[in-house]
Amino acid sequence: MKKSILLFGICATALLSSCASTTVAKQEINTGKEVRGAWTLTNVDYQGLANNQVEGNVRVNEKVARVFDMASPECYEGSTWNLVQNNKKGTYTFNSAGADCPQGTANIIWNLTQDGSETYFTFKDVTGIKAKQNTAGYKLRVDQVDTNSMRLVQDVNANGKIVQIVYSFQR
């Protein structure tokens, strides 16, 4: 009888400790509620690009040609993003009137992941295909998020160096 009670106590302790660690992991990445909903990408800014700098007799204007395999970063200004939390699906719609900017809506699958102390917004385009057919995706660091604004940062290779593109969203 004593052995049964002791065995039950050990099993209960093991069960409770495994549940506790699962709860902590869920709390670390529980920012989906802040990200879900409708957003407008109001500004695209750059960190690390040389614009209008003079080197010798040459004026340097560096540019990022394309992001998300679709368009230049400026084409995303004014785009609307709708993120549904319960199934991690969403869309973004281009609203830019630029000559080289695409029009239409892209379907995405998104998620928030933790890597150490950083939270990342990841997504992949699934327009016209099943999610498992697209193995490529995009990873943006969540720099700031609250009820009315969100800032995501993407590291990209521009002219052989890593620069950051900062996407500012508003509700």
C-alpha atoms as a PDB file:
ATOM      1  CA  MET A   1       0.000   0.000   0.000  1.00  0.00           C
ATOM      2  CA  LYS A   2       2.795   2.419   0.926  1.00  0.00           C
ATOM      3  CA  LYS A   3       4.559   1.625  -2.361  1.00  0.00           C
ATOM      4  CA  SER A   4       1.389   2.497  -4.313  1.00  0.00           C
ATOM      5  CA  ILE A   5       1.030   5.852  -2.545  1.00  0.00           C
ATOM      6  CA  LEU A   6       4.711   6.619  -3.099  1.00  0.00           C
ATOM      7  CA  LEU A   7       4.442   5.677  -6.795  1.00  0.00           C
ATOM      8  CA  PHE A   8       1.318   7.838  -7.158  1.00  0.00           C
ATOM      9  CA  GLY A   9       3.129  10.797  -5.541  1.00  0.00           C
ATOM     10  CA  ILE A  10       6.120  10.489  -7.884  1.00  0.00           C
ATOM     11  CA  CYS A  11       3.850  10.288 -10.956  1.00  0.00           C
ATOM     12  CA  ALA A  12       1.798  13.290  -9.827  1.00  0.00           C
ATOM     13  CA  THR A  13       4.957  15.360  -9.235  1.00  0.00           C
ATOM     14  CA  ALA A  14       6.327  14.463 -12.675  1.00  0.00           C
ATOM     15  CA  LEU A  15       3.012  15.341 -14.319  1.00  0.00           C
ATOM     16  CA  LEU A  16       2.745  18.707 -12.572  1.00  0.00           C
ATOM     17  CA  SER A  17       6.330  19.685 -13.374  1.00  0.00           C
ATOM     18  CA  SER A  18       5.872  18.860 -17.085  1.00  0.00           C
ATOM     19  CA  CYS A  19       2.692  20.972 -17.233  1.00  0.00           C
ATOM     20  CA  ALA A  20       4.431  23.899 -15.563  1.00  0.00           C
ATOM     21  CA  SER A  21       7.186  24.061 -18.184  1.00  0.00           C
ATOM     22  CA  THR A  22       4.603  23.950 -21.018  1.00  0.00           C
ATOM     23  CA  THR A  23       2.754  26.904 -19.479  1.00  0.00           C
ATOM     24  CA  VAL A  24       5.942  29.003 -19.341  1.00  0.00           C
ATOM     25  CA  ALA A  25       6.716  28.315 -23.011  1.00  0.00           C
ATOM     26  CA  LYS A  26       3.216  29.373 -24.071  1.00  0.00           C
ATOM     27  CA  GLN A  27       3.476  32.628 -22.092  1.00  0.00           C
ATOM     28  CA  GLU A  28       6.755  33.597 -23.816  1.00  0.00           C
ATOM     29  CA  ILE A  29       5.191  33.641 -27.294  1.00  0.00           C
ATOM     30  CA  ASN A  30       1.675  34.702 -26.350  1.00  0.00           C
ATOM     31  CA  THR A  31       1.744  37.969 -28.343  1.00  0.00           C
ATOM     32  CA  GLY A  32      -0.560  36.784 -31.138  1.00  0.00           C
ATOM     33  CA  LYS A  33      -3.449  38.720 -29.626  1.00  0.00           C
ATOM     34  CA  GLU A  34      -1.571  42.010 -30.020  1.00  0.00           C
ATOM     35  CA  VAL A  35      -0.657  41.259 -33.642  1.00  0.00           C
ATOM     36  CA  ARG A  36      -3.990  39.971 -34.928  1.00  0.00           C
ATOM     37  CA  GLY A  37      -6.402  42.247 -36.719  1.00  0.00           C
ATOM     38  CA  ALA A  38      -6.272  44.849 -39.480  1.00  0.00           C
ATOM     39  CA  TRP A  39      -3.110  46.924 -40.027  1.00  0.00           C
ATOM     40  CA  THR A  40      -1.961  49.531 -42.527  1.00  0.00           C
ATOM     41  CA  LEU A  41       1.734  49.675 -43.380  1.00  0.00           C
ATOM     42  CA  THR A  42       2.270  53.425 -43.068  1.00  0.00           C
ATOM     43  CA  ASN A  43       6.043  53.765 -43.487  1.00  0.00           C
ATOM     44  CA  VAL A  44       9.065  51.856 -44.786  1.00  0.00           C
ATOM     45  CA  ASP A  45      12.427  53.085 -43.533  1.00  0.00           C
ATOM     46  CA  TYR A  46      16.002  51.858 -43.896  1.00  0.00           C
ATOM     47  CA  GLN A  47      18.930  51.500 -41.521  1.00  0.00           C
ATOM     48  CA  GLY A  48      22.391  50.966 -42.976  1.00  0.00           C
ATOM     49  CA  LEU A  49      21.896  52.268 -46.526  1.00  0.00           C
ATOM     50  CA  ALA A  50      24.037  55.054 -47.951  1.00  0.00           C
ATOM     51  CA  ASN A  51      21.709  57.583 -49.565  1.00  0.00           C
ATOM     52  CA  ASN A  52      23.000  60.832 -51.032  1.00  0.00           C
ATOM     53  CA  GLN A  53      26.442  60.275 -49.544  1.00  0.00           C
ATOM     54  CA  VAL A  54      29.402  61.482 -51.580  1.00  0.00           C
ATOM     55  CA  GLU A  55      32.328  59.070 -51.857  1.00  0.00           C
ATOM     56  CA  GLY A  56      35.118  60.655 -53.905  1.00  0.00           C
ATOM     57  CA  ASN A  57      33.334  62.228 -56.861  1.00  0.00           C
ATOM     58  CA  VAL A  58      30.434  59.766 -56.822  1.00  0.00           C
ATOM     59  CA  ARG A  59      27.059  60.282 -55.142  1.00  0.00           C
ATOM     60  CA  VAL A  60      25.955  56.969 -53.609  1.00  0.00           C
ATOM     61  CA  ASN A  61      22.288  55.987 -53.605  1.00  0.00           C
ATOM     62  CA  GLU A  62      21.818  52.427 -52.431  1.00  0.00           C
ATOM     63  CA  LYS A  63      18.473  50.723 -52.832  1.00  0.00           C
ATOM     64  CA  VAL A  64      16.780  47.458 -51.942  1.00  0.00           C
ATOM     65  CA  ALA A  65      15.245  46.141 -55.161  1.00  0.00           C
ATOM     66  CA  ARG A  66      12.663  43.622 -53.921  1.00  0.00           C
ATOM     67  CA  VAL A  67      11.311  42.195 -50.707  1.00  0.00           C
ATOM     68  CA  PHE A  68       9.102  39.150 -50.172  1.00  0.00           C
ATOM     69  CA  ASP A  69       9.923  38.171 -53.773  1.00  0.00           C
ATOM     70  CA  MET A  70       7.239  40.576 -54.985  1.00  0.00           C
ATOM     71  CA  ALA A  71       8.112  44.267 -55.169  1.00  0.00           C
ATOM     72  CA  SER A  72      10.265  47.113 -53.897  1.00  0.00           C
ATOM     73  CA  PRO A  73       9.736  48.019 -50.237  1.00  0.00           C
ATOM     74  CA  GLU A  74       8.083  51.323 -51.210  1.00  0.00           C
ATOM     75  CA  CYS A  75       5.289  49.421 -52.998  1.00  0.00           C
ATOM     76  CA  TYR A  76       4.199  48.059 -49.614  1.00  0.00           C
ATOM     77  CA  GLU A  77       3.572  51.530 -48.152  1.00  0.00           C
ATOM     78  CA  GLY A  78      -0.177  51.915 -47.773  1.00  0.00           C
ATOM     79  CA  SER A  79      -0.803  48.165 -47.996  1.00  0.00           C
ATOM     80  CA  THR A  80      -3.412  46.692 -45.679  1.00  0.00           C
ATOM     81  CA  TRP A  81      -2.639  43.549 -43.703  1.00  0.00           C
ATOM     82  CA  ASN A  82      -5.337  41.400 -42.083  1.00  0.00           C
ATOM     83  CA  LEU A  83      -4.042  38.813 -39.625  1.00  0.00           C
ATOM     84  CA  VAL A  84      -6.394  36.190 -38.178  1.00  0.00           C
ATOM     85  CA  GLN A  85      -5.069  34.700 -34.942  1.00  0.00           C
ATOM     86  CA  ASN A  86      -7.090  31.526 -34.516  1.00  0.00           C
ATOM     87  CA  ASN A  87      -5.912  29.900 -37.776  1.00  0.00           C
ATOM     88  CA  LYS A  88      -2.778  32.026 -38.488  1.00  0.00           C
ATOM     89  CA  LYS A  89      -4.050  32.936 -41.952  1.00  0.00           C
ATOM     90  CA  GLY A  90      -4.093  36.414 -43.367  1.00  0.00           C
ATOM     91  CA  THR A  91      -3.834  38.659 -46.389  1.00  0.00           C
ATOM     92  CA  TYR A  92      -2.055  41.773 -47.522  1.00  0.00           C
ATOM     93  CA  THR A  93      -3.386  44.042 -50.257  1.00  0.00           C
ATOM     94  CA  PHE A  94      -1.264  46.430 -52.293  1.00  0.00           C
ATOM     95  CA  ASN A  95      -2.659  49.962 -52.406  1.00  0.00           C
ATOM     96  CA  SER A  96       0.288  51.754 -54.025  1.00  0.00           C
ATOM     97  CA  ALA A  97      -0.237  53.440 -57.383  1.00  0.00           C
ATOM     98  CA  GLY A  98       3.433  53.196 -58.404  1.00  0.00           C
ATOM     99  CA  ALA A  99       4.115  52.136 -62.000  1.00  0.00           C
ATOM    100  CA  ASP A 100       6.280  49.159 -60.966  1.00  0.00           C
ATOM    101  CA  CYS A 101       4.078  48.134 -58.042  1.00  0.00           C
ATOM    102  CA  PRO A 102       1.841  45.064 -58.246  1.00  0.00           C
ATOM    103  CA  GLN A 103      -1.865  45.219 -57.546  1.00  0.00           C
ATOM    104  CA  GLY A 104      -4.037  42.677 -55.780  1.00  0.00           C
ATOM    105  CA  THR A 105      -4.126  40.644 -52.613  1.00  0.00           C
ATOM    106  CA  ALA A 106      -1.726  37.953 -51.391  1.00  0.00           C
ATOM    107  CA  ASN A 107      -2.813  35.160 -49.043  1.00  0.00           C
ATOM    108  CA  ILE A 108      -0.388  34.312 -46.255  1.00  0.00           C
ATOM    109  CA  ILE A 109       0.141  31.920 -43.375  1.00  0.00           C
ATOM    110  CA  TRP A 110       1.809  33.688 -40.416  1.00  0.00           C
ATOM    111  CA  ASN A 111       3.155  32.863 -36.995  1.00  0.00           C
ATOM    112  CA  LEU A 112       5.086  34.344 -34.084  1.00  0.00           C
ATOM    113  CA  THR A 113       8.170  32.488 -32.903  1.00  0.00           C
ATOM    114  CA  GLN A 114      10.669  32.979 -30.101  1.00  0.00           C
ATOM    115  CA  ASP A 115      14.421  32.813 -30.635  1.00  0.00           C
ATOM    116  CA  GLY A 116      16.090  33.543 -27.338  1.00  0.00           C
ATOM    117  CA  SER A 117      14.791  36.907 -26.148  1.00  0.00           C
ATOM    118  CA  GLU A 118      13.625  37.983 -29.640  1.00  0.00           C
ATOM    119  CA  THR A 119      10.139  37.501 -31.088  1.00  0.00           C
ATOM    120  CA  TYR A 120       9.824  37.042 -34.848  1.00  0.00           C
ATOM    121  CA  PHE A 121       6.876  37.474 -37.192  1.00  0.00           C
ATOM    122  CA  THR A 122       7.208  34.800 -39.866  1.00  0.00           C
ATOM    123  CA  PHE A 123       5.033  34.340 -42.925  1.00  0.00           C
ATOM    124  CA  LYS A 124       4.861  32.694 -46.305  1.00  0.00           C
ATOM    125  CA  ASP A 125       2.809  33.472 -49.390  1.00  0.00           C
ATOM    126  CA  VAL A 126       0.223  30.799 -50.159  1.00  0.00           C
ATOM    127  CA  THR A 127      -1.681  32.620 -52.905  1.00  0.00           C
ATOM    128  CA  GLY A 128      -3.139  29.964 -55.204  1.00  0.00           C
ATOM    129  CA  ILE A 129      -1.263  27.069 -53.549  1.00  0.00           C
ATOM    130  CA  LYS A 130      -1.458  24.923 -50.450  1.00  0.00           C
ATOM    131  CA  ALA A 131       0.742  25.953 -47.534  1.00  0.00           C
ATOM    132  CA  LYS A 132       2.873  22.804 -47.720  1.00  0.00           C
ATOM    133  CA  GLN A 133       3.724  23.561 -51.368  1.00  0.00           C
ATOM    134  CA  ASN A 134       5.645  26.716 -50.406  1.00  0.00           C
ATOM    135  CA  THR A 135       8.667  25.930 -48.280  1.00  0.00           C
ATOM    136  CA  ALA A 136      10.132  29.472 -48.478  1.00  0.00           C
ATOM    137  CA  GLY A 137       9.140  32.152 -46.030  1.00  0.00           C
ATOM    138  CA  TYR A 138      10.127  35.475 -44.488  1.00  0.00           C
ATOM    139  CA  LYS A 139      11.294  36.348 -40.981  1.00  0.00           C
ATOM    140  CA  LEU A 140      10.909  39.818 -39.456  1.00  0.00           C
ATOM    141  CA  ARG A 141      11.906  40.777 -35.916  1.00  0.00           C
ATOM    142  CA  VAL A 142       9.093  42.264 -33.819  1.00  0.00           C
ATOM    143  CA  ASP A 143      10.689  45.516 -32.677  1.00  0.00           C
ATOM    144  CA  GLN A 144       7.584  46.991 -31.038  1.00  0.00           C
ATOM    145  CA  VAL A 145       3.878  46.159 -30.817  1.00  0.00           C
ATOM    146  CA  ASP A 146       0.985  47.645 -28.865  1.00  0.00           C
ATOM    147  CA  THR A 147      -2.734  48.124 -29.435  1.00  0.00           C
ATOM    148  CA  ASN A 148      -2.314  50.802 -32.142  1.00  0.00           C
ATOM    149  CA  SER A 149       1.128  50.347 -33.701  1.00  0.00           C
ATOM    150  CA  MET A 150       3.602  47.684 -34.688  1.00  0.00           C
ATOM    151  CA  ARG A 151       7.164  47.864 -36.008  1.00  0.00           C
ATOM    152  CA  LEU A 152       8.802  44.912 -37.778  1.00  0.00           C
ATOM    153  CA  VAL A 153      12.454  44.807 -38.874  1.00  0.00           C
ATOM    154  CA  GLN A 154      13.797  42.702 -41.741  1.00  0.00           C
ATOM    155  CA  ASP A 155      17.488  42.038 -42.381  1.00  0.00           C
ATOM    156  CA  VAL A 156      18.270  41.979 -46.120  1.00  0.00           C
ATOM    157  CA  ASN A 157      21.377  41.806 -48.264  1.00  0.00           C
ATOM    158  CA  ALA A 158      21.812  45.017 -50.264  1.00  0.00           C
ATOM    159  CA  ASN A 159      24.889  45.423 -52.425  1.00  0.00           C
ATOM    160  CA  GLY A 160      26.810  42.861 -50.380  1.00  0.00           C
ATOM    161  CA  LYS A 161      26.022  44.212 -46.921  1.00  0.00           C
ATOM    162  CA  ILE A 162      23.252  43.540 -44.427  1.00  0.00           C
ATOM    163  CA  VAL A 163      20.809  46.416 -43.926  1.00  0.00           C
ATOM    164  CA  GLN A 164      17.557  46.644 -42.001  1.00  0.00           C
ATOM    165  CA  ILE A 165      14.188  47.534 -43.459  1.00  0.00           C
ATOM    166  CA  VAL A 166      11.836  48.907 -40.809  1.00  0.00           C
ATOM    167  CA  TYR A 167       8.102  48.433 -41.470  1.00  0.00           C
ATOM    168  CA  SER A 168       5.806  50.655 -39.370  1.00  0.00           C
ATOM    169  CA  PHE A 169       2.150  49.647 -39.075  1.00  0.00           C
ATOM    170  CA  GLN A 170      -0.887  51.459 -37.634  1.00  0.00           C
ATOM    171  CA  ARG A 171      -4.387  50.218 -36.822  1.00  0.00           C
END
